Protein backbone atom coordinates (compact mmCIF):
# COMPACT_ATOMS: atom_id res chain seq x y z
CA MET A 1 -51.57 -21.19 151.18
CA LYS A 2 -48.71 -23.54 150.40
CA LYS A 3 -46.63 -22.04 153.24
CA ILE A 4 -49.44 -22.69 155.72
CA LEU A 5 -49.66 -26.38 154.67
CA PHE A 6 -45.90 -26.79 154.69
CA PHE A 7 -45.43 -25.64 158.31
CA PRO A 8 -47.67 -28.33 159.98
CA LEU A 9 -46.04 -30.97 157.78
CA PHE A 10 -42.60 -29.81 158.91
CA ILE A 11 -43.63 -29.95 162.56
CA PHE A 12 -45.00 -33.49 162.10
CA LEU A 13 -41.75 -34.70 160.57
CA LEU A 14 -39.72 -33.23 163.44
CA LEU A 15 -41.93 -34.95 166.01
CA SER A 16 -41.64 -38.27 164.18
CA ILE A 17 -37.84 -38.09 164.11
CA PHE A 18 -37.75 -37.26 167.86
CA ILE A 19 -40.03 -40.18 168.77
CA LEU A 20 -37.97 -42.65 166.69
CA SER A 21 -34.71 -41.42 168.22
CA PHE A 22 -36.08 -41.78 171.76
CA ALA A 23 -37.30 -45.31 171.08
CA SER A 24 -33.93 -46.27 169.67
CA CYS A 25 -32.06 -44.92 172.71
CA ASN A 26 -34.45 -46.62 175.09
CA HIS A 27 -33.92 -49.95 173.31
CA GLN A 28 -30.18 -49.71 173.93
CA GLN A 29 -30.53 -49.25 177.70
CA PRO A 30 -29.54 -52.25 179.87
CA SER A 31 -32.47 -54.54 180.32
CA ASP A 32 -33.63 -55.62 183.79
CA GLN A 33 -32.92 -59.11 185.17
CA THR A 34 -36.44 -60.40 184.68
CA LYS A 35 -36.63 -63.20 182.13
CA ALA A 36 -39.58 -64.57 180.28
CA PRO A 37 -40.55 -68.16 181.08
CA GLY A 38 -38.09 -70.58 179.55
CA GLU A 39 -35.24 -68.06 179.20
CA THR A 40 -31.94 -68.69 181.01
CA SER A 41 -29.03 -66.62 182.22
CA ASP A 42 -25.47 -67.68 182.81
CA SER A 43 -25.20 -65.48 185.91
CA SER A 44 -28.51 -66.20 187.61
CA ASP A 45 -29.68 -69.54 186.32
CA GLU A 46 -30.57 -70.81 189.80
CA ALA A 47 -32.70 -67.77 190.57
CA ILE A 48 -34.84 -68.08 187.46
CA ARG A 49 -35.10 -71.86 187.17
CA PRO A 50 -38.75 -72.81 186.91
CA GLU A 51 -40.31 -74.78 189.72
CA PRO A 52 -40.60 -78.47 188.85
CA ILE A 53 -44.08 -79.52 187.92
CA GLU A 54 -45.80 -82.84 188.30
CA ALA A 55 -44.92 -85.05 185.36
CA THR A 56 -47.88 -85.93 183.17
CA GLY A 57 -47.95 -88.32 180.25
CA LEU A 58 -45.47 -90.81 181.72
CA LYS A 59 -45.80 -94.42 180.70
CA TYR A 60 -45.87 -97.10 183.38
CA SER A 61 -46.49 -100.79 183.90
CA VAL A 62 -48.47 -102.28 186.77
CA ASN A 63 -46.46 -104.64 188.97
CA LEU A 64 -47.51 -108.16 189.91
CA ASP A 65 -49.01 -107.05 193.20
CA ARG A 66 -51.53 -104.94 191.24
CA LYS A 67 -50.98 -102.14 193.73
CA THR A 68 -47.72 -100.63 192.56
CA CYS A 69 -46.21 -99.61 189.24
CA THR A 70 -42.89 -99.01 187.48
CA ILE A 71 -42.19 -95.99 185.29
CA THR A 72 -41.16 -97.38 181.90
CA SER A 73 -40.91 -94.34 179.62
CA ILE A 74 -41.06 -90.55 179.41
CA GLY A 75 -44.19 -90.94 177.31
CA LYS A 76 -45.73 -87.59 176.32
CA CYS A 77 -44.05 -85.63 179.11
CA LYS A 78 -41.91 -82.80 177.70
CA ASP A 79 -41.25 -80.67 180.80
CA PRO A 80 -37.52 -80.14 181.58
CA HIS A 81 -38.12 -79.76 185.35
CA ILE A 82 -40.35 -82.50 186.74
CA PHE A 83 -41.27 -84.33 189.89
CA ILE A 84 -42.74 -87.78 189.67
CA PRO A 85 -45.81 -88.31 191.87
CA GLU A 86 -46.00 -91.09 194.46
CA SER A 87 -48.95 -92.63 192.67
CA ILE A 88 -50.34 -92.69 189.14
CA ASP A 89 -53.93 -93.72 188.50
CA GLY A 90 -54.06 -95.16 192.01
CA TYR A 91 -50.88 -97.24 191.65
CA GLN A 92 -47.97 -96.39 193.92
CA VAL A 93 -44.73 -95.67 192.00
CA THR A 94 -42.00 -97.96 193.41
CA ALA A 95 -39.45 -98.20 190.60
CA ILE A 96 -37.90 -96.41 187.64
CA GLY A 97 -37.54 -99.10 185.00
CA ASN A 98 -34.66 -100.01 182.73
CA TYR A 99 -34.01 -97.36 180.04
CA ALA A 100 -37.01 -95.34 181.26
CA PHE A 101 -35.50 -91.90 180.58
CA LYS A 102 -32.55 -92.91 178.42
CA ASN A 103 -31.40 -90.14 176.06
CA CYS A 104 -34.03 -87.66 177.25
CA GLY A 105 -31.85 -84.73 176.32
CA PHE A 106 -34.32 -82.05 177.46
CA LEU A 107 -34.50 -83.18 181.12
CA VAL A 108 -32.81 -80.68 183.45
CA SER A 109 -34.02 -81.65 186.94
CA VAL A 110 -35.94 -84.58 188.40
CA ILE A 111 -37.45 -85.21 191.83
CA LEU A 112 -38.27 -88.83 192.63
CA PRO A 113 -40.85 -89.78 195.27
CA ASP A 114 -39.82 -91.55 198.47
CA SER A 115 -41.89 -94.53 197.39
CA VAL A 116 -39.24 -95.47 194.77
CA THR A 117 -36.84 -98.19 195.95
CA SER A 118 -35.00 -99.02 192.74
CA ILE A 119 -33.66 -97.28 189.65
CA GLY A 120 -33.12 -99.65 186.76
CA LYS A 121 -30.35 -100.23 184.27
CA CYS A 122 -29.53 -97.24 182.04
CA ALA A 123 -32.57 -95.43 183.48
CA PHE A 124 -31.10 -91.94 182.92
CA GLU A 125 -28.23 -92.82 180.61
CA GLY A 126 -27.47 -90.11 178.06
CA CYS A 127 -29.57 -87.40 179.72
CA SER A 128 -27.06 -84.80 178.61
CA ALA A 129 -28.81 -81.75 180.15
CA LEU A 130 -29.65 -83.34 183.51
CA LYS A 131 -28.15 -81.18 186.27
CA ASP A 132 -30.02 -82.20 189.42
CA ILE A 133 -31.81 -85.28 190.63
CA LEU A 134 -33.27 -85.76 194.09
CA LEU A 135 -33.05 -89.44 194.99
CA PRO A 136 -35.67 -90.95 197.31
CA SER A 137 -34.87 -91.64 200.94
CA ALA A 138 -35.94 -95.31 200.56
CA LEU A 139 -33.81 -96.09 197.49
CA LYS A 140 -32.01 -99.44 197.70
CA THR A 141 -30.71 -100.12 194.19
CA LEU A 142 -28.96 -98.11 191.51
CA GLY A 143 -28.82 -100.23 188.37
CA LYS A 144 -25.93 -100.61 185.94
CA SER A 145 -25.15 -97.40 184.00
CA ALA A 146 -28.09 -95.64 185.69
CA PHE A 147 -26.51 -92.20 185.12
CA GLU A 148 -23.86 -93.04 182.56
CA ASN A 149 -22.97 -90.17 180.23
CA CYS A 150 -24.79 -87.45 182.16
CA PRO A 151 -22.07 -84.78 181.82
CA SER A 152 -24.20 -81.93 183.22
CA LEU A 153 -24.93 -83.72 186.51
CA THR A 154 -23.01 -81.60 189.03
CA GLY A 155 -24.04 -83.05 192.34
CA ILE A 156 -25.86 -86.04 193.70
CA THR A 157 -26.62 -87.23 197.25
CA LEU A 158 -26.82 -90.97 197.73
CA PRO A 159 -29.37 -91.83 200.47
CA GLU A 160 -28.48 -93.79 203.59
CA SER A 161 -30.85 -96.54 202.46
CA LEU A 162 -28.81 -97.42 199.36
CA GLU A 163 -27.47 -100.99 199.24
CA LEU A 164 -26.30 -101.66 195.65
CA ILE A 165 -24.44 -99.46 193.16
CA GLY A 166 -24.27 -101.07 189.74
CA ALA A 167 -21.35 -101.08 187.32
CA ASN A 168 -20.63 -97.87 185.40
CA THR A 169 -23.32 -96.01 187.36
CA PHE A 170 -21.60 -92.62 187.02
CA LYS A 171 -19.40 -93.37 184.03
CA ASP A 172 -18.63 -90.23 181.99
CA CYS A 173 -20.32 -87.98 184.56
CA SER A 174 -17.71 -85.27 184.14
CA GLY A 175 -19.66 -82.68 186.19
CA ILE A 176 -19.47 -84.53 189.52
CA THR A 177 -16.63 -83.27 191.74
CA GLU A 178 -17.52 -84.81 195.12
CA ILE A 179 -19.56 -87.76 196.34
CA THR A 180 -20.27 -89.75 199.51
CA ILE A 181 -20.73 -93.52 199.53
CA PRO A 182 -23.05 -94.18 202.51
CA ALA A 183 -22.49 -96.82 205.16
CA SER A 184 -25.61 -98.69 204.02
CA VAL A 185 -23.99 -99.81 200.75
CA THR A 186 -23.27 -103.54 200.80
CA LYS A 187 -22.23 -104.08 197.18
CA ILE A 188 -20.47 -101.99 194.56
CA GLU A 189 -19.83 -103.23 191.05
CA LYS A 190 -17.01 -102.37 188.66
CA ASN A 191 -15.96 -98.94 187.46
CA ILE A 192 -18.74 -96.86 188.98
CA PHE A 193 -16.74 -93.66 188.37
CA LEU A 194 -14.95 -94.61 185.15
CA LYS A 195 -14.10 -91.45 183.17
CA ALA A 196 -15.76 -89.21 185.78
CA SER A 197 -12.95 -86.84 184.90
CA ASN A 198 -13.56 -84.11 187.52
CA LEU A 199 -14.34 -86.28 190.54
CA SER A 200 -11.69 -85.17 193.05
CA THR A 201 -13.08 -86.05 196.51
CA VAL A 202 -14.73 -89.23 197.74
CA TYR A 203 -16.10 -89.89 201.22
CA TYR A 204 -16.23 -93.67 201.60
CA ASN A 205 -18.31 -94.80 204.59
CA SER A 206 -19.19 -98.30 203.44
CA SER A 207 -17.40 -101.43 204.63
CA TYR A 208 -17.97 -103.26 201.37
CA SER A 209 -14.89 -105.11 200.19
CA ASP A 210 -14.36 -107.41 197.22
CA ALA A 211 -11.08 -108.80 195.93
CA GLY A 212 -9.97 -107.12 192.74
CA ASN A 213 -12.74 -104.53 192.83
CA ASP A 214 -10.83 -101.36 191.91
CA PHE A 215 -14.03 -99.34 191.52
CA LEU A 216 -12.33 -96.06 192.41
CA ASN A 217 -9.83 -96.44 189.58
CA THR A 218 -10.18 -92.83 188.43
CA ASP A 219 -7.23 -90.58 187.65
CA SER A 220 -8.98 -87.42 188.85
CA ILE A 221 -9.42 -88.47 192.50
CA LYS A 222 -7.14 -86.46 194.81
CA LYS A 223 -8.67 -87.00 198.23
CA ILE A 224 -10.42 -89.94 199.90
CA VAL A 225 -11.84 -90.02 203.42
CA PHE A 226 -12.55 -93.48 204.83
CA GLY A 227 -15.23 -93.54 207.50
CA GLY A 228 -16.39 -97.17 207.58
CA GLU A 229 -14.80 -100.16 209.29
CA THR A 230 -12.72 -101.34 206.34
CA VAL A 231 -10.56 -99.88 203.61
CA PRO A 232 -11.44 -102.41 200.87
CA LYS A 233 -9.10 -104.49 198.73
CA PHE A 234 -7.63 -102.59 195.77
CA ILE A 235 -10.13 -99.77 196.25
CA CYS A 236 -7.63 -97.12 195.15
CA LYS A 237 -5.62 -99.22 192.70
CA LYS A 238 -3.78 -96.96 190.26
CA CYS A 239 -5.30 -93.72 191.57
CA ASP A 240 -2.26 -91.91 190.22
CA ASN A 241 -3.25 -88.43 191.41
CA LEU A 242 -4.41 -89.39 194.89
CA THR A 243 -2.43 -87.20 197.31
CA GLU A 244 -4.55 -87.08 200.47
CA ILE A 245 -5.83 -90.05 202.45
CA ILE A 246 -7.75 -89.60 205.69
CA ILE A 247 -8.51 -92.73 207.69
CA GLU A 248 -10.96 -92.09 210.51
CA ASP A 249 -11.01 -93.83 213.88
CA SER A 250 -13.87 -96.10 212.83
CA VAL A 251 -11.57 -98.07 210.50
CA LYS A 252 -10.32 -101.39 211.86
CA THR A 253 -8.71 -103.05 208.83
CA ILE A 254 -6.90 -102.01 205.66
CA ASP A 255 -7.28 -104.81 203.16
CA GLY A 256 -4.71 -106.09 200.69
CA GLY A 257 -3.64 -103.85 197.83
CA ALA A 258 -5.81 -100.99 199.07
CA PHE A 259 -3.39 -98.31 197.82
CA PHE A 260 -1.49 -100.37 195.26
CA LEU A 261 0.29 -98.19 192.69
CA CYS A 262 -0.91 -94.89 194.19
CA SER A 263 2.21 -93.13 193.00
CA SER A 264 1.42 -89.61 194.31
CA ILE A 265 0.85 -90.36 198.01
CA THR A 266 3.65 -88.82 200.11
CA GLU A 267 2.47 -89.48 203.66
CA ILE A 268 -0.20 -91.29 205.60
CA THR A 269 -1.23 -91.59 209.23
CA ILE A 270 -2.95 -94.80 210.21
CA PRO A 271 -5.03 -94.45 213.40
CA ASP A 272 -4.65 -96.77 216.37
CA SER A 273 -8.11 -98.19 215.66
CA VAL A 274 -6.55 -100.21 212.81
CA VAL A 275 -5.50 -103.70 213.97
CA ALA A 276 -4.68 -105.33 210.61
CA ILE A 277 -3.07 -104.23 207.35
CA GLY A 278 -3.30 -106.61 204.39
CA TYR A 279 -0.66 -107.83 201.94
CA GLY A 280 0.68 -105.25 199.52
CA ALA A 281 -1.48 -102.51 200.98
CA PHE A 282 1.02 -99.76 200.07
CA SER A 283 3.14 -101.57 197.51
CA PHE A 284 4.55 -99.46 194.68
CA CYS A 285 3.59 -96.17 196.35
CA SER A 286 6.75 -94.69 194.92
CA SER A 287 6.38 -91.20 196.47
CA LEU A 288 5.51 -92.36 199.99
CA VAL A 289 8.01 -90.79 202.43
CA ASN A 290 6.34 -90.91 205.85
CA VAL A 291 4.08 -93.52 207.44
CA THR A 292 2.74 -93.58 210.99
CA LEU A 293 1.76 -97.12 211.91
CA PRO A 294 -0.90 -97.91 214.54
CA SER A 295 0.19 -99.13 217.95
CA GLY A 296 -2.02 -102.24 217.93
CA ILE A 297 -1.02 -104.14 214.79
CA THR A 298 0.68 -107.49 215.38
CA SER A 299 2.14 -108.10 211.94
CA ILE A 300 3.34 -106.41 208.78
CA ALA A 301 2.03 -108.53 205.94
CA ASP A 302 3.79 -109.74 202.81
CA SER A 303 4.85 -106.95 200.41
CA THR A 304 3.14 -104.26 202.50
CA PHE A 305 5.67 -101.58 201.52
CA GLN A 306 7.27 -103.29 198.54
CA ASN A 307 8.99 -100.82 196.20
CA CYS A 308 8.09 -97.76 198.27
CA SER A 309 11.31 -96.30 196.97
CA ALA A 310 10.96 -92.90 198.72
CA LEU A 311 10.32 -94.29 202.23
CA LYS A 312 13.18 -93.06 204.45
CA ASP A 313 12.48 -93.91 208.07
CA LEU A 314 9.98 -96.13 209.83
CA ILE A 315 9.24 -96.99 213.44
CA ILE A 316 7.61 -100.38 213.82
CA PRO A 317 5.32 -100.52 216.89
CA ASP A 318 6.23 -102.73 219.85
CA SER A 319 3.09 -104.79 219.20
CA VAL A 320 4.46 -106.27 215.95
CA ALA A 321 5.53 -109.91 216.19
CA SER A 322 6.16 -110.73 212.53
CA ILE A 323 7.28 -109.12 209.28
CA GLY A 324 6.07 -110.81 206.12
CA MET A 325 7.82 -111.94 202.98
CA GLU A 326 9.40 -109.07 201.00
CA ALA A 327 7.55 -106.59 203.19
CA PHE A 328 10.16 -103.87 202.49
CA LEU A 329 11.61 -105.20 199.25
CA GLY A 330 13.02 -102.36 197.11
CA CYS A 331 12.66 -99.61 199.73
CA SER A 332 15.82 -98.10 198.33
CA SER A 333 15.68 -94.86 200.39
CA LEU A 334 15.14 -96.59 203.74
CA LYS A 335 18.13 -95.57 205.86
CA SER A 336 17.02 -96.65 209.29
CA ILE A 337 14.40 -98.89 210.78
CA LYS A 338 13.87 -99.83 214.41
CA LEU A 339 12.80 -103.41 214.91
CA PRO A 340 10.76 -103.92 218.11
CA SER A 341 11.74 -106.31 220.87
CA SER A 342 8.39 -108.07 220.34
CA LEU A 343 9.51 -109.30 216.89
CA THR A 344 9.89 -113.08 216.63
CA PHE A 345 9.79 -113.73 212.87
CA MET A 346 11.00 -112.12 209.63
CA ASP A 347 10.10 -113.89 206.41
CA TYR A 348 12.00 -114.43 203.16
CA GLY A 349 13.55 -111.29 201.61
CA ALA A 350 11.99 -108.91 204.16
CA PHE A 351 14.57 -106.15 203.54
CA ARG A 352 16.01 -107.23 200.21
CA ASP A 353 17.27 -104.41 197.96
CA CYS A 354 17.08 -101.78 200.72
CA SER A 355 20.21 -100.22 199.28
CA SER A 356 20.37 -97.23 201.68
CA LEU A 357 20.14 -99.24 204.90
CA THR A 358 23.39 -98.78 206.88
CA ASP A 359 22.91 -100.69 210.12
CA ILE A 360 20.33 -102.77 211.90
CA THR A 361 19.80 -104.57 215.19
CA ILE A 362 18.05 -107.93 215.14
CA PRO A 363 15.92 -108.31 218.32
CA GLU A 364 16.40 -111.16 220.79
CA GLY A 365 13.21 -112.96 219.80
CA ILE A 366 14.41 -113.87 216.30
CA THR A 367 15.65 -117.45 215.90
CA GLU A 368 16.06 -117.60 212.11
CA ILE A 369 17.32 -115.13 209.53
CA GLN A 370 15.56 -116.27 206.37
CA ASP A 371 16.85 -116.52 202.81
CA ASN A 372 17.61 -113.20 201.08
CA THR A 373 16.59 -111.15 204.13
CA PHE A 374 19.21 -108.45 203.54
CA LYS A 375 20.40 -109.38 200.05
CA ASN A 376 21.66 -106.43 197.96
CA CYS A 377 21.62 -103.99 200.90
CA GLY A 378 24.73 -102.40 199.43
CA ASN A 379 25.31 -99.83 202.19
CA LEU A 380 24.74 -102.17 205.12
CA THR A 381 28.02 -102.06 207.06
CA SER A 382 27.13 -103.33 210.53
CA ILE A 383 24.60 -105.58 212.17
CA ILE A 384 23.88 -106.90 215.64
CA ILE A 385 22.74 -110.53 215.71
CA PRO A 386 21.45 -111.99 219.00
CA ASN A 387 22.54 -115.37 220.28
CA SER A 388 18.91 -116.48 219.95
CA VAL A 389 19.57 -116.93 216.21
CA THR A 390 20.15 -120.57 215.30
CA SER A 391 20.28 -120.34 211.49
CA ILE A 392 21.12 -117.90 208.70
CA GLY A 393 19.49 -118.62 205.33
CA SER A 394 20.92 -118.68 201.83
CA TRP A 395 22.01 -115.31 200.46
CA ALA A 396 20.83 -113.63 203.67
CA PHE A 397 23.67 -111.06 203.64
CA SER A 398 24.95 -111.51 200.09
CA HIS A 399 26.16 -108.40 198.28
CA THR A 400 26.15 -106.22 201.37
CA SER A 401 29.03 -104.07 202.64
CA LEU A 402 29.11 -105.65 206.09
CA LYS A 403 32.34 -104.92 207.94
CA ILE A 404 31.20 -105.82 211.44
CA ILE A 405 28.90 -108.60 212.57
CA HIS A 406 28.31 -108.20 216.28
CA PHE A 407 27.12 -111.51 217.70
CA THR A 408 25.85 -111.34 221.28
CA GLY A 409 26.93 -114.89 222.07
CA THR A 410 30.24 -116.76 222.18
CA GLN A 411 32.40 -118.03 219.35
CA GLU A 412 31.23 -121.52 220.15
CA GLU A 413 27.58 -120.45 219.83
CA TRP A 414 28.34 -118.67 216.53
CA THR A 415 29.97 -121.80 215.18
CA ALA A 416 26.85 -123.75 216.09
CA VAL A 417 24.63 -121.41 214.01
CA LYS A 418 23.57 -123.13 210.78
CA LYS A 419 24.74 -121.02 207.84
CA TYR A 420 23.21 -121.93 204.52
CA SER A 421 24.88 -121.74 201.13
CA GLY A 422 25.88 -118.25 199.99
CA TRP A 423 24.80 -116.50 203.19
CA ASN A 424 27.84 -114.19 202.98
CA ASN A 425 28.41 -114.20 199.22
CA GLY A 426 30.21 -111.08 197.99
CA MET A 427 31.11 -109.77 201.45
CA ARG A 428 34.63 -108.36 201.84
CA ASN A 429 36.92 -108.53 204.90
CA TYR A 430 34.30 -108.44 207.60
CA GLU A 431 34.91 -108.91 211.31
CA ILE A 432 32.86 -110.91 213.76
CA LEU A 433 32.72 -109.59 217.31
CA PHE A 434 31.53 -111.79 220.15
CA GLU A 435 29.76 -110.29 223.13
CA ASN A 436 30.94 -112.79 225.71
CA ASP A 437 34.24 -113.93 224.26
CA LYS A 438 36.07 -110.79 223.11
CA ASP A 439 39.44 -112.53 222.79
CA SER A 440 38.09 -114.87 220.14
CA ASN A 441 36.92 -112.32 217.55
CA GLU A 442 37.25 -113.55 213.97
CA ASN A 443 38.20 -111.96 210.67
CA GLU A 444 36.61 -113.35 207.54
CA ASN A 445 38.34 -113.09 204.18
CA ALA A 446 36.36 -111.60 201.30
CA ASP A 447 37.05 -114.46 198.97
CA ASN A 448 35.99 -117.11 201.44
CA ASN A 449 32.28 -117.63 200.89
CA SER A 450 32.26 -120.74 203.05
CA SER A 451 30.61 -121.06 206.41
CA GLU A 452 32.89 -121.52 209.40
CA ASP A 453 31.39 -124.96 209.72
CA PRO A 454 31.27 -126.73 206.31
CA GLU A 455 28.86 -129.27 207.67
CA ALA A 456 26.38 -126.46 208.45
CA TYR A 457 25.60 -125.95 204.76
CA GLN A 458 22.16 -127.05 203.68
CA ASN A 459 20.77 -126.46 200.18
């Protein structure tokens, strides 16, 4: 009897062990890609992201017109993916108020209605999980620090209606890599991309310009495309890693200091649409080797290429009539430069400290060689000076290596040229050749720093 009872019990135990083993094996099989609501996956996050739902529980205030309202707070809304309706309780939503969603760490995506025209100060500041936000097509104003410290924000499209971008708008938005500033923007405040550490490409289509407004002062920027009418003053000041600049044919002016201290730029082509380049536009661009200037500019402003120490060769267009003060000061690699026949004026120190310059021809239209024009051009050995020149300023050729001065006039005309104190200081044993009086060529002694005509000195 005991054997009969034992056998069914044995069979039961065997079946139990088999069932448990099967369940265990099945549990270890790879699961399918379907996720329960709320779950995420690193590999397919976009595919499983929940659809945004209409936000409920938001707080708002009714505006003075009694027809519209401003969102003031997240209220009781706890959904991570939301869209804000165009109206709440019969009031049209026209604004996101100051601090409305500040530090809402659970927000992942937001869709704003087209009825919204302004986003207030710090409206989404500190929304650390915010990845996407769809801005309304009628938006005009982005307030100060609107998206400051939103490190998860990876992309944002600014609408063509936008007019104002407040200070620090995208400060510490380390997820943004590319952005377009639309043509509609008429004002940009300070440091909109400060510490946006991964922003590498900017498309700038606005013509907004403000002196001293270095709002693109961000080390991460490597490429900028300008598509408006103006490259603004100091827009790229100290963009140390900027290597690629594209200036489209719509651009007419490059304002002063636009690329000041952009030490990584090696070349730039300026289209013929540009008719004016401001003072110091490329000053201290220490890696700049090649520049193509537009055919229509009439002047090279003060300090335009100051201390561009890598610049080797430059062709100045025939349209240029003047070269500003210290325009090429410290271009120590500049070996040759062709001055156009249209040139009528070179200001103080235009080529001072161009230590690699070996020879130069002054065009016929020049009447004065200003103070310090070629001072410290240590390798300058020959120069052609036209008989149109009536004066040579103080220290104009001091500390050069001039051996030959070819003057296209007569000795009498050369004697009549006013030579100011120290014009030839430090020069050694140079020879003056006269175009029309070859038998009267002069040799100047190195230790004689006097002008040929003592009465020509003027201090």
